[in-house]
Amino acid sequence: MPSKIKGHGRTGRPWRRKAAEVRASFSPCWLCGDPIDYTLPPNHVWSFTVHHKVPLAVAPWLAHDRSNLVAAHRRCNSLQGDRLGRPPTPTSRTW
């Protein structure tokens, strides 16, 4: 297992290439399923980010594994944090 480094592998040319691959897919948000506006500036809450399905805190060696990288909204990605899996899908009404 590689040692942890600052940024968990989210820096450098290999990371930028993988992030560009995910962006080029123009996929909807993996967490909420809504479309992502890929024209928004990077710091906007609904902008595109790369999400790790298996968090780096759990498996840092999967940092650049394309099968572990998916598109997500910045807000959804931040709310998910380092928890495994998708968050529960909200229902259409309050029970």
PDB file of N, CA and C in Angstrom:
ATOM      1  N   MET A   1       0.859  -1.184   0.000  1.00  0.00           N
ATOM      2  CA  MET A   1       0.000   0.000   0.000  1.00  0.00           C
ATOM      3  C   MET A   1       0.894   1.232   0.000  1.00  0.00           C
ATOM      4  N   PRO A   2       0.662   2.166  -0.950  1.00  0.00           N
ATOM      5  CA  PRO A   2       1.472   3.383  -0.992  1.00  0.00           C
ATOM      6  C   PRO A   2       1.239   4.254   0.231  1.00  0.00           C
ATOM      7  N   SER A   3       2.232   5.021   0.585  1.00  0.00           N
ATOM      8  CA  SER A   3       2.086   5.923   1.716  1.00  0.00           C
ATOM      9  C   SER A   3       1.201   7.102   1.337  1.00  0.00           C
ATOM     10  N   LYS A   4       0.590   7.681   2.362  1.00  0.00           N
ATOM     11  CA  LYS A   4      -0.259   8.848   2.123  1.00  0.00           C
ATOM     12  C   LYS A   4       0.622  10.054   1.842  1.00  0.00           C
ATOM     13  N   ILE A   5       0.217  10.830   0.858  1.00  0.00           N
ATOM     14  CA  ILE A   5       0.924  12.057   0.550  1.00  0.00           C
ATOM     15  C   ILE A   5      -0.061  13.204   0.592  1.00  0.00           C
ATOM     16  N   LYS A   6       0.445  14.393   0.733  1.00  0.00           N
ATOM     17  CA  LYS A   6      -0.421  15.565   0.775  1.00  0.00           C
ATOM     18  C   LYS A   6      -1.265  15.612  -0.490  1.00  0.00           C
ATOM     19  N   GLY A   7      -2.576  15.800  -0.351  1.00  0.00           N
ATOM     20  CA  GLY A   7      -3.482  15.868  -1.483  1.00  0.00           C
ATOM     21  C   GLY A   7      -4.028  14.521  -1.886  1.00  0.00           C
ATOM     22  N   HIS A   8      -3.555  13.449  -1.251  1.00  0.00           N
ATOM     23  CA  HIS A   8      -4.051  12.098  -1.534  1.00  0.00           C
ATOM     24  C   HIS A   8      -4.062  11.778  -3.022  1.00  0.00           C
ATOM     25  N   GLY A   9      -3.083  12.239  -3.764  1.00  0.00           N
ATOM     26  CA  GLY A   9      -3.038  11.910  -5.176  1.00  0.00           C
ATOM     27  C   GLY A   9      -3.905  12.787  -6.052  1.00  0.00           C
ATOM     28  N   ARG A  10      -4.476  13.832  -5.507  1.00  0.00           N
ATOM     29  CA  ARG A  10      -5.343  14.715  -6.295  1.00  0.00           C
ATOM     30  C   ARG A  10      -4.563  15.897  -6.849  1.00  0.00           C
ATOM     31  N   THR A  11      -3.309  15.684  -7.135  1.00  0.00           N
ATOM     32  CA  THR A  11      -2.479  16.715  -7.747  1.00  0.00           C
ATOM     33  C   THR A  11      -1.646  16.058  -8.843  1.00  0.00           C
ATOM     34  N   GLY A  12      -1.073  16.868  -9.684  1.00  0.00           N
ATOM     35  CA  GLY A  12      -0.169  16.361 -10.706  1.00  0.00           C
ATOM     36  C   GLY A  12      -0.868  15.970 -11.998  1.00  0.00           C
ATOM     37  N   ARG A  13      -0.060  15.655 -12.973  1.00  0.00           N
ATOM     38  CA  ARG A  13      -0.546  15.329 -14.304  1.00  0.00           C
ATOM     39  C   ARG A  13      -1.440  14.083 -14.336  1.00  0.00           C
ATOM     40  N   PRO A  14      -1.093  12.983 -13.658  1.00  0.00           N
ATOM     41  CA  PRO A  14      -1.980  11.808 -13.698  1.00  0.00           C
ATOM     42  C   PRO A  14      -3.387  12.116 -13.188  1.00  0.00           C
ATOM     43  N   TRP A  15      -3.464  12.893 -12.098  1.00  0.00           N
ATOM     44  CA  TRP A  15      -4.784  13.254 -11.564  1.00  0.00           C
ATOM     45  C   TRP A  15      -5.554  14.132 -12.552  1.00  0.00           C
ATOM     46  N   ARG A  16      -4.897  15.113 -13.130  1.00  0.00           N
ATOM     47  CA  ARG A  16      -5.572  16.003 -14.079  1.00  0.00           C
ATOM     48  C   ARG A  16      -6.103  15.214 -15.279  1.00  0.00           C
ATOM     49  N   ARG A  17      -5.355  14.222 -15.738  1.00  0.00           N
ATOM     50  CA  ARG A  17      -5.817  13.383 -16.861  1.00  0.00           C
ATOM     51  C   ARG A  17      -7.071  12.604 -16.483  1.00  0.00           C
ATOM     52  N   LYS A  18      -7.066  11.992 -15.316  1.00  0.00           N
ATOM     53  CA  LYS A  18      -8.238  11.223 -14.869  1.00  0.00           C
ATOM     54  C   LYS A  18      -9.446  12.140 -14.668  1.00  0.00           C
ATOM     55  N   ALA A  19      -9.224  13.300 -14.072  1.00  0.00           N
ATOM     56  CA  ALA A  19     -10.326  14.255 -13.878  1.00  0.00           C
ATOM     57  C   ALA A  19     -10.888  14.712 -15.221  1.00  0.00           C
ATOM     58  N   ALA A  20     -10.020  14.901 -16.215  1.00  0.00           N
ATOM     59  CA  ALA A  20     -10.473  15.298 -17.548  1.00  0.00           C
ATOM     60  C   ALA A  20     -11.304  14.186 -18.195  1.00  0.00           C
ATOM     61  N   GLU A  21     -10.929  12.932 -17.971  1.00  0.00           N
ATOM     62  CA  GLU A  21     -11.713  11.804 -18.492  1.00  0.00           C
ATOM     63  C   GLU A  21     -13.114  11.792 -17.895  1.00  0.00           C
ATOM     64  N   VAL A  22     -13.188  11.999 -16.589  1.00  0.00           N
ATOM     65  CA  VAL A  22     -14.495  12.010 -15.916  1.00  0.00           C
ATOM     66  C   VAL A  22     -15.326  13.184 -16.431  1.00  0.00           C
ATOM     67  N   ARG A  23     -14.722  14.355 -16.553  1.00  0.00           N
ATOM     68  CA  ARG A  23     -15.428  15.546 -17.048  1.00  0.00           C
ATOM     69  C   ARG A  23     -15.938  15.322 -18.465  1.00  0.00           C
ATOM     70  N   ALA A  24     -15.141  14.686 -19.325  1.00  0.00           N
ATOM     71  CA  ALA A  24     -15.507  14.471 -20.731  1.00  0.00           C
ATOM     72  C   ALA A  24     -16.718  13.552 -20.879  1.00  0.00           C
ATOM     73  N   SER A  25     -17.038  12.799 -19.838  1.00  0.00           N
ATOM     74  CA  SER A  25     -18.199  11.910 -19.909  1.00  0.00           C
ATOM     75  C   SER A  25     -19.519  12.672 -19.813  1.00  0.00           C
ATOM     76  N   PHE A  26     -19.482  13.895 -19.290  1.00  0.00           N
ATOM     77  CA  PHE A  26     -20.683  14.724 -19.095  1.00  0.00           C
ATOM     78  C   PHE A  26     -21.793  13.949 -18.403  1.00  0.00           C
ATOM     79  N   SER A  27     -21.400  13.147 -17.428  1.00  0.00           N
ATOM     80  CA  SER A  27     -22.351  12.323 -16.676  1.00  0.00           C
ATOM     81  C   SER A  27     -23.130  13.169 -15.680  1.00  0.00           C
ATOM     82  N   PRO A  28     -24.313  12.688 -15.280  1.00  0.00           N
ATOM     83  CA  PRO A  28     -25.028  13.365 -14.192  1.00  0.00           C
ATOM     84  C   PRO A  28     -24.322  13.085 -12.871  1.00  0.00           C
ATOM     85  N   CYS A  29     -24.738  13.749 -11.836  1.00  0.00           N
ATOM     86  CA  CYS A  29     -24.156  13.559 -10.510  1.00  0.00           C
ATOM     87  C   CYS A  29     -24.386  12.122 -10.057  1.00  0.00           C
ATOM     88  N   TRP A  30     -23.334  11.441  -9.689  1.00  0.00           N
ATOM     89  CA  TRP A  30     -23.425  10.048  -9.247  1.00  0.00           C
ATOM     90  C   TRP A  30     -24.160   9.947  -7.921  1.00  0.00           C
ATOM     91  N   LEU A  31     -24.153  11.002  -7.136  1.00  0.00           N
ATOM     92  CA  LEU A  31     -24.751  10.964  -5.809  1.00  0.00           C
ATOM     93  C   LEU A  31     -26.239  11.292  -5.812  1.00  0.00           C
ATOM     94  N   CYS A  32     -26.641  12.329  -6.554  1.00  0.00           N
ATOM     95  CA  CYS A  32     -28.057  12.714  -6.539  1.00  0.00           C
ATOM     96  C   CYS A  32     -28.786  12.373  -7.842  1.00  0.00           C
ATOM     97  N   GLY A  33     -28.043  12.151  -8.930  1.00  0.00           N
ATOM     98  CA  GLY A  33     -28.653  11.789 -10.202  1.00  0.00           C
ATOM     99  C   GLY A  33     -29.074  12.965 -11.058  1.00  0.00           C
ATOM    100  N   ASP A  34     -28.961  14.183 -10.539  1.00  0.00           N
ATOM    101  CA  ASP A  34     -29.337  15.369 -11.312  1.00  0.00           C
ATOM    102  C   ASP A  34     -28.226  15.752 -12.284  1.00  0.00           C
ATOM    103  N   PRO A  35     -28.584  16.439 -13.374  1.00  0.00           N
ATOM    104  CA  PRO A  35     -27.551  16.864 -14.327  1.00  0.00           C
ATOM    105  C   PRO A  35     -26.590  17.881 -13.700  1.00  0.00           C
ATOM    106  N   ILE A  36     -25.378  17.896 -14.214  1.00  0.00           N
ATOM    107  CA  ILE A  36     -24.356  18.832 -13.753  1.00  0.00           C
ATOM    108  C   ILE A  36     -24.157  19.883 -14.834  1.00  0.00           C
ATOM    109  N   ASP A  37     -24.131  21.157 -14.446  1.00  0.00           N
ATOM    110  CA  ASP A  37     -23.820  22.235 -15.385  1.00  0.00           C
ATOM    111  C   ASP A  37     -22.303  22.359 -15.450  1.00  0.00           C
ATOM    112  N   TYR A  38     -21.712  21.807 -16.499  1.00  0.00           N
ATOM    113  CA  TYR A  38     -20.260  21.775 -16.637  1.00  0.00           C
ATOM    114  C   TYR A  38     -19.658  23.133 -16.992  1.00  0.00           C
ATOM    115  N   THR A  39     -20.506  24.158 -17.170  1.00  0.00           N
ATOM    116  CA  THR A  39     -19.995  25.492 -17.485  1.00  0.00           C
ATOM    117  C   THR A  39     -19.812  26.357 -16.242  1.00  0.00           C
ATOM    118  N   LEU A  40     -20.253  25.894 -15.093  1.00  0.00           N
ATOM    119  CA  LEU A  40     -20.146  26.676 -13.859  1.00  0.00           C
ATOM    120  C   LEU A  40     -18.693  26.780 -13.416  1.00  0.00           C
ATOM    121  N   PRO A  41     -18.332  27.879 -12.744  1.00  0.00           N
ATOM    122  CA  PRO A  41     -16.957  28.005 -12.238  1.00  0.00           C
ATOM    123  C   PRO A  41     -16.699  26.940 -11.166  1.00  0.00           C
ATOM    124  N   PRO A  42     -15.442  26.528 -10.997  1.00  0.00           N
ATOM    125  CA  PRO A  42     -15.113  25.427 -10.078  1.00  0.00           C
ATOM    126  C   PRO A  42     -15.537  25.628  -8.631  1.00  0.00           C
ATOM    127  N   ASN A  43     -15.665  26.863  -8.168  1.00  0.00           N
ATOM    128  CA  ASN A  43     -16.024  27.089  -6.768  1.00  0.00           C
ATOM    129  C   ASN A  43     -17.533  27.186  -6.536  1.00  0.00           C
ATOM    130  N   HIS A  44     -18.342  27.061  -7.571  1.00  0.00           N
ATOM    131  CA  HIS A  44     -19.798  27.102  -7.442  1.00  0.00           C
ATOM    132  C   HIS A  44     -20.286  25.804  -6.800  1.00  0.00           C
ATOM    133  N   VAL A  45     -21.316  25.885  -5.936  1.00  0.00           N
ATOM    134  CA  VAL A  45     -21.771  24.701  -5.210  1.00  0.00           C
ATOM    135  C   VAL A  45     -22.328  23.603  -6.122  1.00  0.00           C
ATOM    136  N   TRP A  46     -22.845  23.959  -7.287  1.00  0.00           N
ATOM    137  CA  TRP A  46     -23.413  22.959  -8.198  1.00  0.00           C
ATOM    138  C   TRP A  46     -22.467  22.633  -9.352  1.00  0.00           C
ATOM    139  N   SER A  47     -21.197  23.013  -9.239  1.00  0.00           N
ATOM    140  CA  SER A  47     -20.224  22.733 -10.294  1.00  0.00           C
ATOM    141  C   SER A  47     -19.756  21.280 -10.236  1.00  0.00           C
ATOM    142  N   PHE A  48     -19.032  20.873 -11.257  1.00  0.00           N
ATOM    143  CA  PHE A  48     -18.485  19.524 -11.380  1.00  0.00           C
ATOM    144  C   PHE A  48     -17.309  19.302 -10.434  1.00  0.00           C
ATOM    145  N   THR A  49     -17.296  18.139  -9.796  1.00  0.00           N
ATOM    146  CA  THR A  49     -16.117  17.659  -9.070  1.00  0.00           C
ATOM    147  C   THR A  49     -15.990  16.165  -9.348  1.00  0.00           C
ATOM    148  N   VAL A  50     -14.827  15.639  -9.064  1.00  0.00           N
ATOM    149  CA  VAL A  50     -14.610  14.199  -9.171  1.00  0.00           C
ATOM    150  C   VAL A  50     -14.847  13.591  -7.801  1.00  0.00           C
ATOM    151  N   HIS A  51     -15.698  12.582  -7.754  1.00  0.00           N
ATOM    152  CA  HIS A  51     -16.016  11.888  -6.501  1.00  0.00           C
ATOM    153  C   HIS A  51     -15.360  10.513  -6.519  1.00  0.00           C
ATOM    154  N   HIS A  52     -14.827  10.096  -5.386  1.00  0.00           N
ATOM    155  CA  HIS A  52     -14.281   8.754  -5.237  1.00  0.00           C
ATOM    156  C   HIS A  52     -15.365   7.875  -4.612  1.00  0.00           C
ATOM    157  N   LYS A  53     -15.810   6.834  -5.326  1.00  0.00           N
ATOM    158  CA  LYS A  53     -16.842   5.942  -4.793  1.00  0.00           C
ATOM    159  C   LYS A  53     -16.359   5.274  -3.506  1.00  0.00           C
ATOM    160  N   VAL A  54     -15.135   4.789  -3.512  1.00  0.00           N
ATOM    161  CA  VAL A  54     -14.509   4.301  -2.281  1.00  0.00           C
ATOM    162  C   VAL A  54     -13.607   5.432  -1.811  1.00  0.00           C
ATOM    163  N   PRO A  55     -13.920   6.039  -0.667  1.00  0.00           N
ATOM    164  CA  PRO A  55     -13.189   7.229  -0.219  1.00  0.00           C
ATOM    165  C   PRO A  55     -11.685   6.997  -0.074  1.00  0.00           C
ATOM    166  N   LEU A  56     -10.935   8.057  -0.290  1.00  0.00           N
ATOM    167  CA  LEU A  56      -9.483   7.981  -0.151  1.00  0.00           C
ATOM    168  C   LEU A  56      -9.066   7.664   1.276  1.00  0.00           C
ATOM    169  N   ALA A  57      -9.876   8.030   2.246  1.00  0.00           N
ATOM    170  CA  ALA A  57      -9.569   7.714   3.632  1.00  0.00           C
ATOM    171  C   ALA A  57      -9.589   6.204   3.861  1.00  0.00           C
ATOM    172  N   VAL A  58     -10.380   5.488   3.078  1.00  0.00           N
ATOM    173  CA  VAL A  58     -10.487   4.042   3.197  1.00  0.00           C
ATOM    174  C   VAL A  58      -9.465   3.346   2.307  1.00  0.00           C
ATOM    175  N   ALA A  59      -9.307   3.826   1.068  1.00  0.00           N
ATOM    176  CA  ALA A  59      -8.428   3.171   0.090  1.00  0.00           C
ATOM    177  C   ALA A  59      -7.651   4.207  -0.712  1.00  0.00           C
ATOM    178  N   PRO A  60      -6.580   4.784  -0.157  1.00  0.00           N
ATOM    179  CA  PRO A  60      -5.831   5.806  -0.879  1.00  0.00           C
ATOM    180  C   PRO A  60      -5.177   5.287  -2.157  1.00  0.00           C
ATOM    181  N   TRP A  61      -4.954   3.976  -2.262  1.00  0.00           N
ATOM    182  CA  TRP A  61      -4.353   3.410  -3.470  1.00  0.00           C
ATOM    183  C   TRP A  61      -5.310   3.447  -4.665  1.00  0.00           C
ATOM    184  N   LEU A  62      -6.575   3.765  -4.450  1.00  0.00           N
ATOM    185  CA  LEU A  62      -7.547   3.882  -5.545  1.00  0.00           C
ATOM    186  C   LEU A  62      -7.704   5.323  -6.030  1.00  0.00           C
ATOM    187  N   ALA A  63      -6.796   6.194  -5.629  1.00  0.00           N
ATOM    188  CA  ALA A  63      -6.904   7.616  -5.958  1.00  0.00           C
ATOM    189  C   ALA A  63      -7.023   7.863  -7.456  1.00  0.00           C
ATOM    190  N   HIS A  64      -6.300   7.101  -8.285  1.00  0.00           N
ATOM    191  CA  HIS A  64      -6.314   7.318  -9.734  1.00  0.00           C
ATOM    192  C   HIS A  64      -6.974   6.179 -10.488  1.00  0.00           C
ATOM    193  N   ASP A  65      -7.665   5.300  -9.803  1.00  0.00           N
ATOM    194  CA  ASP A  65      -8.345   4.177 -10.451  1.00  0.00           C
ATOM    195  C   ASP A  65      -9.624   4.694 -11.109  1.00  0.00           C
ATOM    196  N   ARG A  66      -9.673   4.645 -12.430  1.00  0.00           N
ATOM    197  CA  ARG A  66     -10.796   5.234 -13.177  1.00  0.00           C
ATOM    198  C   ARG A  66     -12.144   4.624 -12.771  1.00  0.00           C
ATOM    199  N   SER A  67     -12.160   3.348 -12.397  1.00  0.00           N
ATOM    200  CA  SER A  67     -13.419   2.716 -11.995  1.00  0.00           C
ATOM    201  C   SER A  67     -13.928   3.249 -10.654  1.00  0.00           C
ATOM    202  N   ASN A  68     -13.080   3.949  -9.919  1.00  0.00           N
ATOM    203  CA  ASN A  68     -13.472   4.522  -8.638  1.00  0.00           C
ATOM    204  C   ASN A  68     -13.837   6.004  -8.748  1.00  0.00           C
ATOM    205  N   LEU A  69     -13.680   6.595  -9.926  1.00  0.00           N
ATOM    206  CA  LEU A  69     -13.909   8.028 -10.107  1.00  0.00           C
ATOM    207  C   LEU A  69     -15.201   8.285 -10.873  1.00  0.00           C
ATOM    208  N   VAL A  70     -16.037   9.158 -10.348  1.00  0.00           N
ATOM    209  CA  VAL A  70     -17.310   9.511 -10.977  1.00  0.00           C
ATOM    210  C   VAL A  70     -17.548  11.014 -10.839  1.00  0.00           C
ATOM    211  N   ALA A  71     -18.465  11.531 -11.641  1.00  0.00           N
ATOM    212  CA  ALA A  71     -18.823  12.949 -11.594  1.00  0.00           C
ATOM    213  C   ALA A  71     -19.818  13.204 -10.459  1.00  0.00           C
ATOM    214  N   ALA A  72     -19.678  14.365  -9.834  1.00  0.00           N
ATOM    215  CA  ALA A  72     -20.602  14.752  -8.767  1.00  0.00           C
ATOM    216  C   ALA A  72     -20.654  16.271  -8.670  1.00  0.00           C
ATOM    217  N   HIS A  73     -21.755  16.778  -8.111  1.00  0.00           N
ATOM    218  CA  HIS A  73     -21.825  18.200  -7.782  1.00  0.00           C
ATOM    219  C   HIS A  73     -20.880  18.457  -6.617  1.00  0.00           C
ATOM    220  N   ARG A  74     -20.319  19.641  -6.555  1.00  0.00           N
ATOM    221  CA  ARG A  74     -19.443  20.000  -5.435  1.00  0.00           C
ATOM    222  C   ARG A  74     -20.194  19.841  -4.105  1.00  0.00           C
ATOM    223  N   ARG A  75     -21.434  20.284  -4.056  1.00  0.00           N
ATOM    224  CA  ARG A  75     -22.218  20.218  -2.817  1.00  0.00           C
ATOM    225  C   ARG A  75     -22.475  18.770  -2.404  1.00  0.00           C
ATOM    226  N   CYS A  76     -22.893  17.949  -3.357  1.00  0.00           N
ATOM    227  CA  CYS A  76     -23.169  16.534  -3.057  1.00  0.00           C
ATOM    228  C   CYS A  76     -21.905  15.831  -2.573  1.00  0.00           C
ATOM    229  N   ASN A  77     -20.800  16.112  -3.232  1.00  0.00           N
ATOM    230  CA  ASN A  77     -19.527  15.500  -2.881  1.00  0.00           C
ATOM    231  C   ASN A  77     -19.103  15.912  -1.468  1.00  0.00           C
ATOM    232  N   SER A  78     -19.290  17.176  -1.133  1.00  0.00           N
ATOM    233  CA  SER A  78     -18.924  17.663   0.196  1.00  0.00           C
ATOM    234  C   SER A  78     -19.815  17.050   1.275  1.00  0.00           C
ATOM    235  N   LEU A  79     -21.103  16.934   0.986  1.00  0.00           N
ATOM    236  CA  LEU A  79     -22.021  16.353   1.961  1.00  0.00           C
ATOM    237  C   LEU A  79     -21.739  14.873   2.185  1.00  0.00           C
ATOM    238  N   GLN A  80     -21.303  14.175   1.159  1.00  0.00           N
ATOM    239  CA  GLN A  80     -21.005  12.749   1.272  1.00  0.00           C
ATOM    240  C   GLN A  80     -19.786  12.513   2.156  1.00  0.00           C
ATOM    241  N   GLY A  81     -18.799  13.400   2.057  1.00  0.00           N
ATOM    242  CA  GLY A  81     -17.592  13.259   2.869  1.00  0.00           C
ATOM    243  C   GLY A  81     -16.855  11.972   2.550  1.00  0.00           C
ATOM    244  N   ASP A  82     -16.368  11.298   3.583  1.00  0.00           N
ATOM    245  CA  ASP A  82     -15.617  10.070   3.364  1.00  0.00           C
ATOM    246  C   ASP A  82     -16.421   8.823   3.728  1.00  0.00           C
ATOM    247  N   ARG A  83     -17.753   8.903   3.613  1.00  0.00           N
ATOM    248  CA  ARG A  83     -18.609   7.743   3.853  1.00  0.00           C
ATOM    249  C   ARG A  83     -18.693   6.886   2.597  1.00  0.00           C
ATOM    250  N   LEU A  84     -18.868   5.602   2.770  1.00  0.00           N
ATOM    251  CA  LEU A  84     -19.005   4.678   1.650  1.00  0.00           C
ATOM    252  C   LEU A  84     -20.411   4.718   1.069  1.00  0.00           C
ATOM    253  N   GLY A  85     -20.523   4.448  -0.230  1.00  0.00           N
ATOM    254  CA  GLY A  85     -21.815   4.310  -0.875  1.00  0.00           C
ATOM    255  C   GLY A  85     -22.507   5.622  -1.157  1.00  0.00           C
ATOM    256  N   ARG A  86     -23.676   5.493  -1.740  1.00  0.00           N
ATOM    257  CA  ARG A  86     -24.493   6.664  -2.048  1.00  0.00           C
ATOM    258  C   ARG A  86     -25.307   7.045  -0.827  1.00  0.00           C
ATOM    259  N   PRO A  87     -25.595   8.343  -0.668  1.00  0.00           N
ATOM    260  CA  PRO A  87     -26.465   8.750   0.436  1.00  0.00           C
ATOM    261  C   PRO A  87     -27.891   8.280   0.150  1.00  0.00           C
ATOM    262  N   PRO A  88     -28.727   8.165   1.166  1.00  0.00           N
ATOM    263  CA  PRO A  88     -30.101   7.737   0.913  1.00  0.00           C
ATOM    264  C   PRO A  88     -30.821   8.729   0.003  1.00  0.00           C
ATOM    265  N   THR A  89     -31.596   8.203  -0.933  1.00  0.00           N
ATOM    266  CA  THR A  89     -32.360   9.043  -1.848  1.00  0.00           C
ATOM    267  C   THR A  89     -33.574   9.592  -1.115  1.00  0.00           C
ATOM    268  N   PRO A  90     -33.762  10.918  -1.136  1.00  0.00           N
ATOM    269  CA  PRO A  90     -34.931  11.475  -0.446  1.00  0.00           C
ATOM    270  C   PRO A  90     -36.220  11.040  -1.135  1.00  0.00           C
ATOM    271  N   THR A  91     -37.247  10.868  -0.341  1.00  0.00           N
ATOM    272  CA  THR A  91     -38.550  10.501  -0.889  1.00  0.00           C
ATOM    273  C   THR A  91     -39.271  11.749  -1.361  1.00  0.00           C
ATOM    274  N   SER A  92     -40.344  11.559  -2.097  1.00  0.00           N
ATOM    275  CA  SER A  92     -41.090  12.682  -2.643  1.00  0.00           C
ATOM    276  C   SER A  92     -41.995  13.350  -1.621  1.00  0.00           C
ATOM    277  N   ARG A  93     -42.198  12.711  -0.485  1.00  0.00           N
ATOM    278  CA  ARG A  93     -43.049  13.318   0.533  1.00  0.00           C
ATOM    279  C   ARG A  93     -42.513  13.004   1.925  1.00  0.00           C
ATOM    280  N   THR A  94     -42.976  13.764   2.907  1.00  0.00           N
ATOM    281  CA  THR A  94     -42.566  13.568   4.286  1.00  0.00           C
ATOM    282  C   THR A  94     -43.452  12.492   4.896  1.00  0.00           C
ATOM    283  N   TRP A  95     -42.847  11.534   5.560  1.00  0.00           N
ATOM    284  CA  TRP A  95     -43.613  10.454   6.172  1.00  0.00           C
ATOM    285  C   TRP A  95     -43.912  10.750   7.609  1.00  0.00           C
TER     286      TRP A  95
END
